[in-house]
């Protein structure tokens, strides 16, 4: 049987997947992304002297808040009661820029991949917003899922 898109019914219409028959299991996802910027922008953020305040702390909080609101942003996502969300933001001189990684956990009938990806996306957008006054040429990406565990489909890890 060929893989199918689960959010489309037999006629091709979009619908929310019925998860009521799925078992409640422990589920986890990790996503990552990056904001590439000029070396002087990274230095300014690291110094803590940005005009809008603590850029990294603000982006971390934005990412956590976004994970909790994923079902409000992505039309067919189920609302879930997250048990853990972490957003880590680290400087990376080789970009240069900031690497963002989010981990999400839940015990539920559906996964948390979209919550991890949303946390990374909004954290990256917040980093851009906080520093755009000094560097409009920043770029975001790539954003991707690194790992997920739990649920009927089991564990998965991205290729290095």
N, C-alpha and C. Protein backbone atom coordinates (compact mmCIF):
# COMPACT_ATOMS: atom_id res chain seq x y z
N UNK A 1 0.84 -1.19 0.00
CA UNK A 1 0.00 0.00 0.00
C UNK A 1 0.88 1.25 0.00
N UNK A 2 0.60 2.17 -0.88
CA UNK A 2 1.38 3.40 -1.00
C UNK A 2 1.06 4.34 0.17
N UNK A 3 2.06 5.10 0.62
CA UNK A 3 1.80 6.08 1.69
C UNK A 3 0.74 7.08 1.22
N UNK A 4 -0.03 7.59 2.19
CA UNK A 4 -1.06 8.57 1.84
C UNK A 4 -1.00 9.75 2.81
N UNK A 5 -1.54 10.84 2.36
CA UNK A 5 -1.61 12.03 3.21
C UNK A 5 -2.78 11.85 4.17
N UNK A 6 -2.48 11.85 5.46
CA UNK A 6 -3.50 11.54 6.46
C UNK A 6 -4.52 12.66 6.67
N UNK A 7 -4.21 13.87 6.25
CA UNK A 7 -5.14 14.98 6.43
C UNK A 7 -6.09 15.18 5.24
N UNK A 8 -6.10 14.21 4.32
CA UNK A 8 -7.03 14.24 3.20
C UNK A 8 -7.93 13.02 3.25
N UNK A 9 -9.23 13.22 3.04
CA UNK A 9 -10.14 12.07 3.03
C UNK A 9 -10.14 11.42 1.64
N UNK A 10 -10.99 10.43 1.44
CA UNK A 10 -11.03 9.67 0.18
C UNK A 10 -11.34 10.56 -1.03
N UNK A 11 -12.02 11.69 -0.81
CA UNK A 11 -12.37 12.59 -1.92
C UNK A 11 -11.32 13.68 -2.12
N UNK A 12 -10.30 13.72 -1.25
CA UNK A 12 -9.27 14.74 -1.35
C UNK A 12 -9.54 15.97 -0.50
N UNK A 13 -10.62 15.97 0.26
CA UNK A 13 -10.96 17.11 1.13
C UNK A 13 -10.12 17.06 2.40
N UNK A 14 -9.68 18.22 2.85
CA UNK A 14 -8.92 18.31 4.10
C UNK A 14 -9.82 18.01 5.29
N UNK A 15 -9.27 17.28 6.26
CA UNK A 15 -10.00 16.99 7.49
C UNK A 15 -9.03 16.77 8.64
N UNK A 16 -9.53 16.91 9.85
CA UNK A 16 -8.72 16.63 11.03
C UNK A 16 -8.73 15.13 11.26
N UNK A 17 -7.56 14.55 11.46
CA UNK A 17 -7.44 13.11 11.67
C UNK A 17 -8.10 12.73 12.98
N UNK A 18 -8.86 11.64 12.98
CA UNK A 18 -9.49 11.12 14.19
C UNK A 18 -8.46 10.29 14.95
N UNK A 19 -8.06 10.76 16.12
CA UNK A 19 -7.05 10.05 16.91
C UNK A 19 -7.66 9.33 18.11
N UNK A 20 -8.98 9.27 18.18
CA UNK A 20 -9.64 8.71 19.36
C UNK A 20 -9.32 7.24 19.60
N UNK A 21 -8.99 6.48 18.57
CA UNK A 21 -8.67 5.06 18.74
C UNK A 21 -7.18 4.82 19.00
N UNK A 22 -6.37 5.85 18.94
CA UNK A 22 -4.94 5.68 19.18
C UNK A 22 -4.68 5.60 20.68
N UNK A 23 -3.61 4.90 21.03
CA UNK A 23 -3.22 4.78 22.44
C UNK A 23 -2.50 6.05 22.89
N UNK A 24 -2.70 6.38 24.15
CA UNK A 24 -1.94 7.47 24.75
C UNK A 24 -0.55 6.92 25.04
N UNK A 25 0.46 7.53 24.43
CA UNK A 25 1.85 7.12 24.65
C UNK A 25 2.71 8.35 24.87
N UNK A 26 3.88 8.12 25.42
CA UNK A 26 4.85 9.19 25.60
C UNK A 26 5.45 9.50 24.23
N UNK A 27 5.44 10.77 23.87
CA UNK A 27 5.93 11.21 22.56
C UNK A 27 6.89 12.38 22.74
N UNK A 28 7.88 12.47 21.86
CA UNK A 28 8.91 13.50 21.94
C UNK A 28 9.32 13.88 20.53
N UNK A 29 9.68 15.14 20.35
CA UNK A 29 10.21 15.60 19.07
C UNK A 29 11.29 16.65 19.32
N UNK A 30 12.28 16.65 18.43
CA UNK A 30 13.34 17.67 18.46
C UNK A 30 13.44 18.26 17.06
N UNK A 31 13.43 19.59 16.99
CA UNK A 31 13.58 20.30 15.71
C UNK A 31 14.72 21.29 15.86
N UNK A 32 15.25 21.72 14.71
CA UNK A 32 16.32 22.71 14.74
C UNK A 32 16.16 23.70 13.60
N UNK A 33 16.80 24.84 13.76
CA UNK A 33 16.85 25.86 12.72
C UNK A 33 18.00 26.79 13.02
N UNK A 34 18.18 27.79 12.16
CA UNK A 34 19.26 28.75 12.37
C UNK A 34 18.89 30.09 11.77
N UNK A 35 19.49 31.13 12.34
CA UNK A 35 19.40 32.47 11.78
C UNK A 35 20.83 32.87 11.44
N UNK A 36 21.07 33.08 10.16
CA UNK A 36 22.39 33.49 9.67
C UNK A 36 22.42 35.02 9.66
N UNK A 37 23.53 35.59 10.13
CA UNK A 37 23.62 37.05 10.24
C UNK A 37 25.06 37.51 10.08
N UNK A 38 25.23 38.80 9.97
CA UNK A 38 26.57 39.38 9.89
C UNK A 38 27.31 39.15 11.21
N UNK A 39 28.62 38.96 11.17
CA UNK A 39 29.38 38.73 12.40
C UNK A 39 29.18 39.83 13.44
N UNK A 40 29.06 41.08 12.99
CA UNK A 40 28.85 42.17 13.96
C UNK A 40 27.48 42.12 14.61
N UNK A 41 26.48 41.59 13.91
CA UNK A 41 25.15 41.41 14.50
C UNK A 41 25.22 40.36 15.59
N UNK A 42 25.88 39.26 15.31
CA UNK A 42 26.05 38.21 16.31
C UNK A 42 26.79 38.74 17.53
N UNK A 43 27.82 39.53 17.30
CA UNK A 43 28.58 40.12 18.42
C UNK A 43 27.70 41.03 19.26
N UNK A 44 26.86 41.82 18.61
CA UNK A 44 25.95 42.72 19.33
C UNK A 44 24.98 41.91 20.19
N UNK A 45 24.40 40.86 19.63
CA UNK A 45 23.46 40.02 20.38
C UNK A 45 24.17 39.37 21.56
N UNK A 46 25.35 38.85 21.33
CA UNK A 46 26.11 38.18 22.40
C UNK A 46 26.49 39.15 23.52
N UNK A 47 26.71 40.42 23.16
CA UNK A 47 27.11 41.41 24.17
C UNK A 47 25.95 41.80 25.08
N UNK A 48 24.72 41.55 24.65
CA UNK A 48 23.56 41.93 25.44
C UNK A 48 23.20 43.39 25.29
N UNK A 49 23.79 44.08 24.31
CA UNK A 49 23.59 45.53 24.16
C UNK A 49 22.59 45.89 23.06
N UNK A 50 21.80 44.94 22.58
CA UNK A 50 20.81 45.24 21.54
C UNK A 50 19.76 46.20 22.08
N UNK A 51 19.30 47.11 21.23
CA UNK A 51 18.37 48.16 21.65
C UNK A 51 17.06 47.60 22.23
N UNK A 52 16.60 46.45 21.72
CA UNK A 52 15.32 45.89 22.19
C UNK A 52 15.47 45.02 23.44
N UNK A 53 16.69 44.83 23.94
CA UNK A 53 16.88 44.05 25.16
C UNK A 53 17.52 42.70 24.89
N UNK A 54 17.24 41.74 25.76
CA UNK A 54 17.84 40.41 25.69
C UNK A 54 17.22 39.62 24.54
N UNK A 55 17.90 39.61 23.42
CA UNK A 55 17.40 39.00 22.19
C UNK A 55 17.16 37.51 22.37
N UNK A 56 18.11 36.81 22.95
CA UNK A 56 18.01 35.35 23.07
C UNK A 56 16.92 34.95 24.05
N UNK A 57 16.82 35.62 25.19
CA UNK A 57 15.77 35.29 26.16
C UNK A 57 14.39 35.54 25.57
N UNK A 58 14.24 36.62 24.84
CA UNK A 58 12.94 36.94 24.23
C UNK A 58 12.57 35.88 23.20
N UNK A 59 13.52 35.47 22.37
CA UNK A 59 13.25 34.45 21.35
C UNK A 59 12.93 33.10 22.00
N UNK A 60 13.60 32.76 23.09
CA UNK A 60 13.33 31.50 23.79
C UNK A 60 11.88 31.49 24.30
N UNK A 61 11.46 32.56 24.93
CA UNK A 61 10.08 32.64 25.44
C UNK A 61 9.08 32.60 24.30
N UNK A 62 9.37 33.30 23.20
CA UNK A 62 8.47 33.28 22.04
C UNK A 62 8.32 31.86 21.48
N UNK A 63 9.41 31.12 21.42
CA UNK A 63 9.35 29.75 20.93
C UNK A 63 8.51 28.86 21.81
N UNK A 64 8.66 28.99 23.12
CA UNK A 64 7.87 28.20 24.06
C UNK A 64 6.38 28.55 23.92
N UNK A 65 6.09 29.83 23.87
CA UNK A 65 4.69 30.27 23.71
C UNK A 65 4.10 29.75 22.40
N UNK A 66 4.88 29.77 21.33
CA UNK A 66 4.40 29.31 20.02
C UNK A 66 4.09 27.83 20.04
N UNK A 67 4.94 27.03 20.69
CA UNK A 67 4.67 25.59 20.78
C UNK A 67 3.31 25.34 21.42
N UNK A 68 2.99 26.10 22.45
CA UNK A 68 1.72 25.93 23.16
C UNK A 68 0.51 26.36 22.32
N UNK A 69 0.74 27.16 21.29
CA UNK A 69 -0.35 27.66 20.45
C UNK A 69 -0.36 27.06 19.05
N UNK A 70 0.39 26.00 18.83
CA UNK A 70 0.51 25.42 17.50
C UNK A 70 -0.85 25.10 16.89
N UNK A 71 -1.74 24.53 17.67
CA UNK A 71 -3.06 24.17 17.14
C UNK A 71 -3.87 25.38 16.69
N UNK A 72 -3.51 26.57 17.17
CA UNK A 72 -4.20 27.79 16.73
C UNK A 72 -3.60 28.33 15.43
N UNK A 73 -2.39 27.91 15.11
CA UNK A 73 -1.68 28.41 13.92
C UNK A 73 -1.76 27.46 12.73
N UNK A 74 -1.73 26.16 12.99
CA UNK A 74 -1.74 25.14 11.94
C UNK A 74 -3.15 24.55 11.93
N UNK A 75 -3.90 24.74 10.87
CA UNK A 75 -5.34 24.47 10.87
C UNK A 75 -5.78 23.07 11.32
N UNK A 76 -5.05 22.02 11.01
CA UNK A 76 -5.53 20.68 11.31
C UNK A 76 -4.79 20.00 12.47
N UNK A 77 -4.00 20.77 13.21
CA UNK A 77 -3.32 20.23 14.38
C UNK A 77 -4.29 20.11 15.55
N UNK A 78 -4.10 19.03 16.32
CA UNK A 78 -4.91 18.84 17.52
C UNK A 78 -4.34 19.67 18.67
N UNK A 79 -5.21 20.22 19.52
CA UNK A 79 -4.69 20.85 20.74
C UNK A 79 -4.20 19.75 21.67
N UNK A 80 -3.00 19.88 22.17
CA UNK A 80 -2.46 18.88 23.09
C UNK A 80 -1.91 19.58 24.32
N UNK A 81 -1.85 18.83 25.42
CA UNK A 81 -1.35 19.36 26.68
C UNK A 81 0.13 19.01 26.79
N UNK A 82 0.96 19.92 26.34
CA UNK A 82 2.41 19.69 26.37
C UNK A 82 2.89 19.51 27.80
N UNK A 83 3.79 18.55 28.01
CA UNK A 83 4.37 18.36 29.33
C UNK A 83 5.74 19.01 29.44
N UNK A 84 6.38 19.28 28.29
CA UNK A 84 7.70 19.91 28.30
C UNK A 84 7.95 20.60 26.97
N UNK A 85 8.52 21.79 27.05
CA UNK A 85 9.02 22.50 25.87
C UNK A 85 10.32 23.18 26.30
N UNK A 86 11.40 22.90 25.57
CA UNK A 86 12.63 23.64 25.79
C UNK A 86 13.06 24.24 24.46
N UNK A 87 13.59 25.44 24.52
CA UNK A 87 14.14 26.10 23.34
C UNK A 87 15.54 26.56 23.71
N UNK A 88 16.52 25.98 23.03
CA UNK A 88 17.92 26.33 23.27
C UNK A 88 18.44 27.12 22.07
N UNK A 89 19.11 28.23 22.36
CA UNK A 89 19.66 29.10 21.32
C UNK A 89 21.13 29.31 21.61
N UNK A 90 21.97 28.91 20.66
CA UNK A 90 23.41 28.97 20.85
C UNK A 90 24.07 29.72 19.69
N UNK A 91 25.04 30.57 19.99
CA UNK A 91 25.82 31.21 18.93
C UNK A 91 26.62 30.17 18.15
N UNK A 92 26.76 30.40 16.87
CA UNK A 92 27.58 29.53 16.02
C UNK A 92 28.38 30.44 15.09
N UNK A 93 29.64 30.60 15.41
CA UNK A 93 30.53 31.48 14.64
C UNK A 93 30.69 30.98 13.20
N UNK A 94 30.51 29.67 12.97
CA UNK A 94 30.71 29.14 11.62
C UNK A 94 29.62 29.56 10.66
N UNK A 95 28.46 29.99 11.15
CA UNK A 95 27.37 30.41 10.24
C UNK A 95 27.71 31.74 9.56
N UNK A 96 28.00 32.82 10.18
CA UNK A 96 27.80 33.12 11.60
C UNK A 96 26.32 33.33 11.89
N UNK A 97 25.95 33.09 13.15
CA UNK A 97 24.56 33.28 13.54
C UNK A 97 24.21 32.52 14.79
N UNK A 98 22.94 32.20 14.91
CA UNK A 98 22.42 31.51 16.09
C UNK A 98 21.71 30.23 15.66
N UNK A 99 22.01 29.15 16.34
CA UNK A 99 21.33 27.87 16.13
C UNK A 99 20.23 27.74 17.17
N UNK A 100 19.07 27.29 16.72
CA UNK A 100 17.91 27.13 17.60
C UNK A 100 17.51 25.67 17.60
N UNK A 101 17.28 25.12 18.78
CA UNK A 101 16.82 23.73 18.89
C UNK A 101 15.68 23.69 19.91
N UNK A 102 14.60 23.00 19.55
CA UNK A 102 13.46 22.86 20.45
C UNK A 102 13.18 21.39 20.70
N UNK A 103 12.84 21.08 21.93
CA UNK A 103 12.40 19.75 22.32
C UNK A 103 11.00 19.86 22.90
N UNK A 104 10.11 18.99 22.46
CA UNK A 104 8.74 18.97 22.99
C UNK A 104 8.42 17.55 23.45
N UNK A 105 7.62 17.46 24.53
CA UNK A 105 7.18 16.15 25.06
C UNK A 105 5.70 16.22 25.41
N UNK A 106 5.06 15.06 25.29
CA UNK A 106 3.65 14.95 25.66
C UNK A 106 3.33 13.47 25.89
N UNK A 107 2.31 13.20 26.68
CA UNK A 107 1.70 11.87 26.76
C UNK A 107 0.30 12.08 26.17
N UNK A 108 0.11 11.61 24.94
CA UNK A 108 -1.14 11.89 24.24
C UNK A 108 -1.33 10.89 23.11
N UNK A 109 -2.37 11.12 22.31
CA UNK A 109 -2.70 10.26 21.18
C UNK A 109 -2.12 10.74 19.85
N UNK A 110 -1.46 11.87 19.87
CA UNK A 110 -0.88 12.43 18.64
C UNK A 110 0.49 13.03 18.95
N UNK A 111 1.31 13.15 17.94
CA UNK A 111 2.69 13.56 18.12
C UNK A 111 2.90 15.04 18.36
N UNK A 112 4.15 15.39 18.60
CA UNK A 112 4.52 16.77 18.94
C UNK A 112 5.53 17.36 17.96
N UNK A 113 5.62 16.78 16.75
CA UNK A 113 6.56 17.30 15.76
C UNK A 113 6.22 18.74 15.37
N UNK A 114 4.95 19.02 15.14
CA UNK A 114 4.56 20.36 14.70
C UNK A 114 4.83 21.39 15.80
N UNK A 115 4.70 20.99 17.05
CA UNK A 115 4.98 21.91 18.15
C UNK A 115 6.46 22.25 18.21
N UNK A 116 7.33 21.26 18.01
CA UNK A 116 8.77 21.52 18.00
C UNK A 116 9.16 22.41 16.82
N UNK A 117 8.60 22.10 15.64
CA UNK A 117 8.91 22.91 14.45
C UNK A 117 8.37 24.33 14.58
N UNK A 118 7.21 24.49 15.18
CA UNK A 118 6.64 25.82 15.39
C UNK A 118 7.47 26.61 16.39
N UNK A 119 7.93 25.96 17.45
CA UNK A 119 8.78 26.63 18.43
C UNK A 119 10.05 27.17 17.77
N UNK A 120 10.70 26.34 16.94
CA UNK A 120 11.92 26.78 16.25
C UNK A 120 11.62 27.92 15.29
N UNK A 121 10.55 27.78 14.52
CA UNK A 121 10.21 28.80 13.53
C UNK A 121 9.97 30.16 14.18
N UNK A 122 9.17 30.19 15.23
CA UNK A 122 8.84 31.46 15.87
C UNK A 122 10.04 32.01 16.63
N UNK A 123 10.86 31.16 17.21
CA UNK A 123 12.08 31.65 17.86
C UNK A 123 12.99 32.32 16.82
N UNK A 124 13.13 31.69 15.65
CA UNK A 124 13.95 32.28 14.58
C UNK A 124 13.36 33.60 14.10
N UNK A 125 12.06 33.65 13.92
CA UNK A 125 11.41 34.90 13.50
C UNK A 125 11.61 36.00 14.55
N UNK A 126 11.56 35.63 15.82
CA UNK A 126 11.76 36.60 16.89
C UNK A 126 13.19 37.12 16.90
N UNK A 127 14.15 36.22 16.68
CA UNK A 127 15.55 36.67 16.57
C UNK A 127 15.69 37.69 15.45
N UNK A 128 15.06 37.40 14.32
CA UNK A 128 15.10 38.34 13.19
C UNK A 128 14.48 39.67 13.60
N UNK A 129 13.30 39.62 14.20
CA UNK A 129 12.61 40.84 14.59
C UNK A 129 13.43 41.68 15.57
N UNK A 130 14.06 41.02 16.51
CA UNK A 130 14.83 41.73 17.54
C UNK A 130 16.08 42.40 16.96
N UNK A 131 16.63 41.86 15.87
CA UNK A 131 17.90 42.38 15.34
C UNK A 131 17.78 43.03 13.97
N UNK A 132 16.58 43.11 13.41
CA UNK A 132 16.43 43.62 12.04
C UNK A 132 16.86 45.08 11.89
N UNK A 133 16.82 45.85 12.95
CA UNK A 133 17.22 47.25 12.87
C UNK A 133 18.69 47.40 12.49
N UNK A 134 19.50 46.38 12.82
CA UNK A 134 20.93 46.47 12.49
C UNK A 134 21.34 45.54 11.35
N UNK A 135 20.45 44.59 10.97
CA UNK A 135 20.84 43.62 9.94
C UNK A 135 19.60 43.07 9.23
N UNK A 136 19.12 43.76 8.21
CA UNK A 136 17.95 43.28 7.46
C UNK A 136 18.29 42.13 6.52
N UNK A 137 19.58 41.84 6.34
CA UNK A 137 20.00 40.77 5.44
C UNK A 137 20.08 39.40 6.08
N UNK A 138 19.64 39.26 7.34
CA UNK A 138 19.66 37.95 7.99
C UNK A 138 18.80 36.97 7.21
N UNK A 139 19.18 35.70 7.26
CA UNK A 139 18.37 34.65 6.65
C UNK A 139 18.05 33.59 7.68
N UNK A 140 16.92 32.94 7.49
CA UNK A 140 16.44 31.90 8.40
C UNK A 140 16.45 30.57 7.67
N UNK A 141 16.98 29.54 8.34
CA UNK A 141 16.88 28.21 7.78
C UNK A 141 18.20 27.50 7.70
N UNK A 142 18.19 26.26 7.36
CA UNK A 142 16.99 25.45 7.21
C UNK A 142 16.37 25.10 8.56
N UNK A 143 15.08 24.88 8.56
CA UNK A 143 14.36 24.41 9.74
C UNK A 143 13.93 22.99 9.43
N UNK A 144 14.20 22.07 10.37
CA UNK A 144 13.85 20.68 10.10
C UNK A 144 13.63 19.89 11.39
N UNK A 145 12.92 18.79 11.25
CA UNK A 145 12.75 17.84 12.34
C UNK A 145 14.01 17.00 12.42
N UNK A 146 14.56 16.86 13.62
CA UNK A 146 15.75 16.03 13.82
C UNK A 146 15.39 14.63 14.30
N UNK A 147 14.36 14.56 15.14
CA UNK A 147 14.06 13.29 15.79
C UNK A 147 12.64 13.31 16.34
N UNK A 148 12.01 12.14 16.35
CA UNK A 148 10.71 11.98 17.02
C UNK A 148 10.65 10.58 17.58
N UNK A 149 9.91 10.44 18.68
CA UNK A 149 9.71 9.11 19.25
C UNK A 149 8.29 8.98 19.75
N UNK A 150 7.85 7.72 19.84
CA UNK A 150 6.52 7.41 20.34
C UNK A 150 5.49 7.30 19.24
N UNK A 151 4.34 6.80 19.61
CA UNK A 151 3.23 6.68 18.66
C UNK A 151 3.32 5.44 17.80
N UNK A 152 2.31 5.29 16.97
CA UNK A 152 2.19 4.12 16.11
C UNK A 152 3.33 4.00 15.11
N UNK A 153 3.82 5.14 14.60
CA UNK A 153 4.89 5.10 13.60
C UNK A 153 6.27 4.88 14.21
N UNK A 154 6.38 4.92 15.53
CA UNK A 154 7.65 4.63 16.19
C UNK A 154 8.65 5.77 16.15
N UNK A 155 9.89 5.39 16.31
CA UNK A 155 10.98 6.37 16.39
C UNK A 155 11.51 6.70 15.00
N UNK A 156 12.03 7.92 14.87
CA UNK A 156 12.59 8.37 13.60
C UNK A 156 13.70 9.37 13.90
N UNK A 157 14.78 9.30 13.14
CA UNK A 157 15.88 10.27 13.23
C UNK A 157 16.27 10.72 11.84
N UNK A 158 16.55 12.02 11.70
CA UNK A 158 17.00 12.56 10.43
C UNK A 158 18.41 12.06 10.12
N UNK A 159 18.70 11.98 8.85
CA UNK A 159 20.06 11.64 8.42
C UNK A 159 20.97 12.80 8.80
N UNK A 160 22.20 12.50 9.24
CA UNK A 160 23.12 13.60 9.61
C UNK A 160 23.46 14.49 8.44
